[in-house]
């Protein structure tokens, strides 16, 4: 693994054809001199085709996101993060993908598989995977991820206008920090997913505030399941190393969460 200390924002540019950007087995660290997101995309009227992270360790600058798109003329067609770790070193708001308030582009595939998202100090109050209240996602995949001390505002981890298909399964959400309100995983504004799968997602929390798979507690299609609240810690008897971001559930829950 190689480490890239990001001092200046990385700008993706696509002048013609299809843009492809892949990070594999790279540690990306936003330094104290980076007063911005790690990535942005600056080409108008031409969606960037693929952005993918695999086996990466990503630590953004304090209070910043990984990727920010401000203009309605800019988007990424396919985004994936797999087998990777996202570390938040402060409790400030952080998103993986953040869009401007008026950005209404449609995204074909947004994929998060087998990742660890965690905050070693306290918690993040307004974490988000994809936050774009005017945008649309055709296919959203959220499978076998582990979330530790990353909570959301009522906007949710996935906050979109239109959401067609989803596969949300075998994720672990864990927190033992104080909360101030509801935590929402998925919040479509207008169009909710009509099918696929939403099942076997585990929640362990020591606080009393509510968590909801979908905003308002409404399950959008037949067979969709609410979060399964656990009364015992799934990491008891396994490994829970908050300092180093290593979380291995015990044998009973071995099929859940990330396995890196």
Protein backbone atom coordinates (compact mmCIF):
# COMPACT_ATOMS: atom_id res chain seq x y z
CA UNK A 1 0.00 0.00 0.00
CA UNK A 2 1.18 3.50 -0.85
CA UNK A 3 0.20 6.71 0.93
CA UNK A 4 -0.82 9.86 -0.90
CA UNK A 5 -0.85 12.97 1.29
CA UNK A 6 -3.33 15.23 -0.47
CA UNK A 7 -2.23 18.85 -0.03
CA UNK A 8 -4.18 20.24 -3.00
CA UNK A 9 -7.60 19.11 -4.18
CA UNK A 10 -7.55 16.46 -6.92
CA UNK A 11 -9.62 17.61 -9.89
CA UNK A 12 -11.07 15.07 -12.28
CA UNK A 13 -11.24 16.41 -15.83
CA UNK A 14 -12.87 14.73 -18.82
CA UNK A 15 -12.44 16.54 -22.13
CA UNK A 16 -13.75 13.80 -24.44
CA UNK A 17 -14.69 10.13 -24.38
CA UNK A 18 -15.21 8.36 -21.06
CA UNK A 19 -13.48 9.33 -17.83
CA UNK A 20 -12.11 6.51 -15.66
CA UNK A 21 -10.51 7.00 -12.25
CA UNK A 22 -9.43 4.05 -10.08
CA UNK A 23 -7.67 4.06 -6.71
CA UNK A 24 -6.52 0.61 -5.58
CA UNK A 25 -4.59 -0.19 -2.39
CA UNK A 26 -3.91 3.50 -1.73
CA UNK A 27 -4.05 5.44 1.54
CA UNK A 28 -5.49 8.88 0.77
CA UNK A 29 -4.93 11.41 3.56
CA UNK A 30 -6.22 14.96 3.48
CA UNK A 31 -3.51 17.06 5.12
CA UNK A 32 -3.91 20.16 7.27
CA UNK A 33 -3.15 22.34 4.24
CA UNK A 34 -6.06 20.88 2.26
CA UNK A 35 -8.96 23.21 3.03
CA UNK A 36 -11.31 21.40 0.69
CA UNK A 37 -12.70 18.03 -0.34
CA UNK A 38 -10.22 15.44 -1.61
CA UNK A 39 -11.84 15.25 -5.06
CA UNK A 40 -13.98 17.34 -7.36
CA UNK A 41 -15.10 17.05 -11.00
CA UNK A 42 -14.94 20.20 -13.09
CA UNK A 43 -16.14 19.28 -16.59
CA UNK A 44 -19.59 20.54 -17.58
CA UNK A 45 -22.26 18.65 -19.54
CA UNK A 46 -20.38 15.36 -19.69
CA UNK A 47 -20.85 12.78 -16.89
CA UNK A 48 -17.62 11.20 -15.67
CA UNK A 49 -18.04 7.50 -16.47
CA UNK A 50 -16.36 5.63 -13.56
CA UNK A 51 -14.89 6.51 -10.17
CA UNK A 52 -13.83 3.48 -8.10
CA UNK A 53 -11.98 2.86 -4.85
CA UNK A 54 -10.82 -0.64 -3.92
CA UNK A 55 -8.71 -1.63 -0.88
CA UNK A 56 -8.17 2.01 0.03
CA UNK A 57 -7.84 3.80 3.37
CA UNK A 58 -9.36 7.26 3.18
CA UNK A 59 -9.01 10.00 5.79
CA UNK A 60 -10.37 13.37 4.65
CA UNK A 61 -9.41 16.72 6.13
CA UNK A 62 -11.39 17.74 9.20
CA UNK A 63 -14.97 18.61 8.37
CA UNK A 64 -14.62 17.82 4.65
CA UNK A 65 -16.12 15.27 2.28
CA UNK A 66 -14.42 12.94 -0.19
CA UNK A 67 -16.16 14.26 -3.31
CA UNK A 68 -18.17 17.42 -3.89
CA UNK A 69 -20.06 18.39 -7.04
CA UNK A 70 -21.49 21.90 -6.95
CA UNK A 71 -22.90 22.35 -10.45
CA UNK A 72 -26.00 20.82 -12.01
CA UNK A 73 -23.97 20.23 -15.18
CA UNK A 74 -21.52 17.84 -13.46
CA UNK A 75 -22.07 14.26 -12.33
CA UNK A 76 -20.53 10.79 -12.10
CA UNK A 77 -22.31 7.95 -13.82
CA UNK A 78 -20.87 5.08 -11.77
CA UNK A 79 -19.29 5.35 -8.32
CA UNK A 80 -18.06 2.45 -6.21
CA UNK A 81 -16.18 1.97 -2.96
CA UNK A 82 -15.28 -1.59 -2.00
CA UNK A 83 -13.03 -3.33 0.54
CA UNK A 84 -11.97 0.05 1.91
CA UNK A 85 -11.83 2.06 5.14
CA UNK A 86 -13.13 5.57 5.76
CA UNK A 87 -11.82 7.21 8.91
CA UNK A 88 -13.28 10.40 10.32
CA UNK A 89 -10.96 12.12 12.75
CA UNK A 90 -13.41 14.77 13.94
CA UNK A 91 -17.09 15.04 14.79
CA UNK A 92 -17.72 17.58 12.03
CA UNK A 93 -20.11 16.85 9.20
CA UNK A 94 -18.72 14.50 6.54
CA UNK A 95 -20.18 12.98 3.40
CA UNK A 96 -18.68 10.56 0.91
CA UNK A 97 -20.49 12.24 -2.00
CA UNK A 98 -21.98 15.70 -1.50
CA UNK A 99 -23.96 17.57 -4.15
CA UNK A 100 -24.96 21.19 -4.44
CA UNK A 101 -28.49 22.05 -3.34
CA UNK A 102 -29.79 22.42 -6.92
CA UNK A 103 -27.90 19.52 -8.50
CA UNK A 104 -30.48 17.21 -10.10
CA UNK A 105 -28.43 14.80 -12.22
CA UNK A 106 -29.24 11.08 -12.32
CA UNK A 107 -26.62 8.55 -11.22
CA UNK A 108 -26.63 5.06 -12.70
CA UNK A 109 -24.83 3.06 -9.98
CA UNK A 110 -23.78 4.02 -6.46
CA UNK A 111 -22.09 1.04 -4.78
CA UNK A 112 -20.66 0.55 -1.27
CA UNK A 113 -19.53 -3.02 -0.49
CA UNK A 114 -17.42 -4.47 2.30
CA UNK A 115 -16.22 -1.17 3.76
CA UNK A 116 -15.53 0.09 7.28
CA UNK A 117 -16.70 3.60 8.12
CA UNK A 118 -15.72 4.78 11.59
CA UNK A 119 -14.86 7.63 13.91
CA UNK A 120 -12.26 6.80 16.60
CA UNK A 121 -12.91 9.93 18.67
CA UNK A 122 -16.52 10.50 19.70
CA UNK A 123 -18.80 10.39 16.70
CA UNK A 124 -19.85 12.16 13.51
CA UNK A 125 -23.27 13.75 13.87
CA UNK A 126 -24.26 14.15 10.21
CA UNK A 127 -22.57 11.40 8.23
CA UNK A 128 -23.78 10.68 4.69
CA UNK A 129 -22.87 8.32 1.88
CA UNK A 130 -24.73 10.23 -0.85
CA UNK A 131 -26.39 13.56 -0.09
CA UNK A 132 -28.17 15.22 -3.00
CA UNK A 133 -31.80 16.06 -2.37
CA UNK A 134 -32.56 16.84 -6.05
CA UNK A 135 -30.59 14.00 -7.65
CA UNK A 136 -31.61 10.48 -8.67
CA UNK A 137 -30.01 7.05 -8.31
CA UNK A 138 -31.03 4.18 -10.60
CA UNK A 139 -29.25 1.47 -8.57
CA UNK A 140 -27.96 1.82 -5.02
CA UNK A 141 -25.98 -1.02 -3.41
CA UNK A 142 -25.12 -1.04 0.29
CA UNK A 143 -23.86 -4.48 1.33
CA UNK A 144 -21.66 -5.90 4.12
CA UNK A 145 -20.46 -2.58 5.49
CA UNK A 146 -19.61 -1.73 9.10
CA UNK A 147 -20.51 1.70 10.50
CA UNK A 148 -19.12 2.65 13.92
CA UNK A 149 -20.08 5.91 15.65
CA UNK A 150 -21.28 7.52 12.42
CA UNK A 151 -24.76 8.92 12.76
CA UNK A 152 -26.93 11.05 10.49
CA UNK A 153 -29.23 14.01 10.60
CA UNK A 154 -32.80 13.35 9.44
CA UNK A 155 -31.54 13.79 5.88
CA UNK A 156 -30.17 10.23 6.08
CA UNK A 157 -27.10 8.38 4.83
CA UNK A 158 -28.57 8.19 1.32
CA UNK A 159 -30.61 11.33 0.62
CA UNK A 160 -31.97 11.61 -2.92
CA UNK A 161 -35.00 12.76 -4.88
CA UNK A 162 -35.56 9.58 -6.92
CA UNK A 163 -34.38 6.08 -6.03
CA UNK A 164 -35.22 3.10 -8.25
CA UNK A 165 -33.51 -0.16 -7.21
CA UNK A 166 -31.65 -0.98 -4.02
CA UNK A 167 -29.74 -3.84 -2.45
CA UNK A 168 -29.22 -3.07 1.24
CA UNK A 169 -28.19 -6.10 3.26
CA UNK A 170 -25.85 -7.56 5.87
CA UNK A 171 -24.67 -4.20 7.20
CA UNK A 172 -23.79 -3.51 10.86
CA UNK A 173 -24.54 -0.15 12.45
CA UNK A 174 -22.94 0.30 15.89
CA UNK A 175 -22.88 3.22 18.29
CA UNK A 176 -22.48 3.88 22.00
CA UNK A 177 -22.42 7.67 21.81
CA UNK A 178 -25.04 10.19 22.84
CA UNK A 179 -27.58 11.10 20.18
CA UNK A 180 -29.87 14.08 19.73
CA UNK A 181 -32.44 12.82 17.22
CA UNK A 182 -33.51 10.17 14.75
CA UNK A 183 -30.94 8.48 12.52
CA UNK A 184 -32.14 7.65 8.99
CA UNK A 185 -30.37 5.31 6.56
CA UNK A 186 -32.29 5.95 3.31
CA UNK A 187 -34.44 8.97 2.48
CA UNK A 188 -35.87 9.30 -1.04
CA UNK A 189 -37.80 12.52 -1.52
CA UNK A 190 -40.31 11.58 -4.23
CA UNK A 191 -39.75 8.17 -5.79
CA UNK A 192 -39.01 5.26 -3.46
CA UNK A 193 -37.45 1.96 -4.55
CA UNK A 194 -39.99 -0.55 -5.80
CA UNK A 195 -38.08 -3.74 -5.18
CA UNK A 196 -34.85 -5.71 -4.87
CA UNK A 197 -33.73 -6.34 -1.30
CA UNK A 198 -33.54 -4.58 2.04
CA UNK A 199 -32.94 -7.18 4.77
CA UNK A 200 -30.59 -8.46 7.46
CA UNK A 201 -29.21 -5.11 8.57
CA UNK A 202 -28.11 -5.09 12.21
CA UNK A 203 -28.20 -2.24 14.70
CA UNK A 204 -26.53 -2.16 18.09
CA UNK A 205 -26.83 1.01 20.16
CA UNK A 206 -26.72 1.80 23.84
CA UNK A 207 -28.76 5.01 23.56
CA UNK A 208 -32.53 5.46 23.36
CA UNK A 209 -32.94 7.63 20.26
CA UNK A 210 -34.53 6.09 17.16
CA UNK A 211 -32.92 4.63 14.07
CA UNK A 212 -34.95 4.06 10.88
CA UNK A 213 -34.08 2.24 7.69
CA UNK A 214 -36.34 4.60 5.71
CA UNK A 215 -37.42 8.10 6.62
CA UNK A 216 -40.63 8.08 8.65
CA UNK A 217 -40.29 4.37 9.37
CA UNK A 218 -42.16 3.52 6.15
CA UNK A 219 -41.00 0.42 4.27
CA UNK A 220 -41.42 1.14 0.54
CA UNK A 221 -41.87 -2.36 -0.91
CA UNK A 222 -43.03 -5.83 0.10
CA UNK A 223 -40.29 -7.79 1.83
CA UNK A 224 -38.29 -4.75 2.89
CA UNK A 225 -37.20 -5.01 6.53
CA UNK A 226 -36.53 -2.49 9.24
CA UNK A 227 -33.17 -2.51 11.03
CA UNK A 228 -32.81 -5.47 13.40
CA UNK A 229 -32.04 -4.05 16.83
CA UNK A 230 -29.67 -6.26 18.83
CA UNK A 231 -29.65 -6.55 22.61
CA UNK A 232 -26.10 -7.96 22.70
CA UNK A 233 -22.97 -6.44 21.23
CA UNK A 234 -22.11 -8.28 17.97
CA UNK A 235 -18.40 -7.61 18.57
CA UNK A 236 -18.28 -9.27 22.00
CA UNK A 237 -16.09 -12.32 21.50
CA UNK A 238 -14.73 -10.86 18.25
CA UNK A 239 -12.46 -7.85 17.69
CA UNK A 240 -13.34 -4.24 18.40
CA UNK A 241 -10.27 -2.05 17.86
CA UNK A 242 -11.58 1.49 17.61
CA UNK A 243 -8.13 3.08 17.43
CA UNK A 244 -7.12 1.10 14.35
CA UNK A 245 -10.50 0.60 12.71
CA UNK A 246 -10.57 -3.20 13.02
CA UNK A 247 -14.02 -4.63 13.71
CA UNK A 248 -14.64 -8.37 13.51
CA UNK A 249 -18.01 -9.64 14.76
CA UNK A 250 -18.29 -12.82 16.78
CA UNK A 251 -19.18 -16.18 15.23
CA UNK A 252 -22.94 -15.59 15.50
CA UNK A 253 -22.72 -12.52 13.29
CA UNK A 254 -19.79 -13.52 11.09
CA UNK A 255 -21.81 -13.03 7.88
CA UNK A 256 -22.53 -9.40 8.70
CA UNK A 257 -20.46 -6.28 8.22
CA UNK A 258 -17.13 -5.90 6.46
CA UNK A 259 -14.46 -8.61 6.23
CA UNK A 260 -11.18 -6.98 5.22
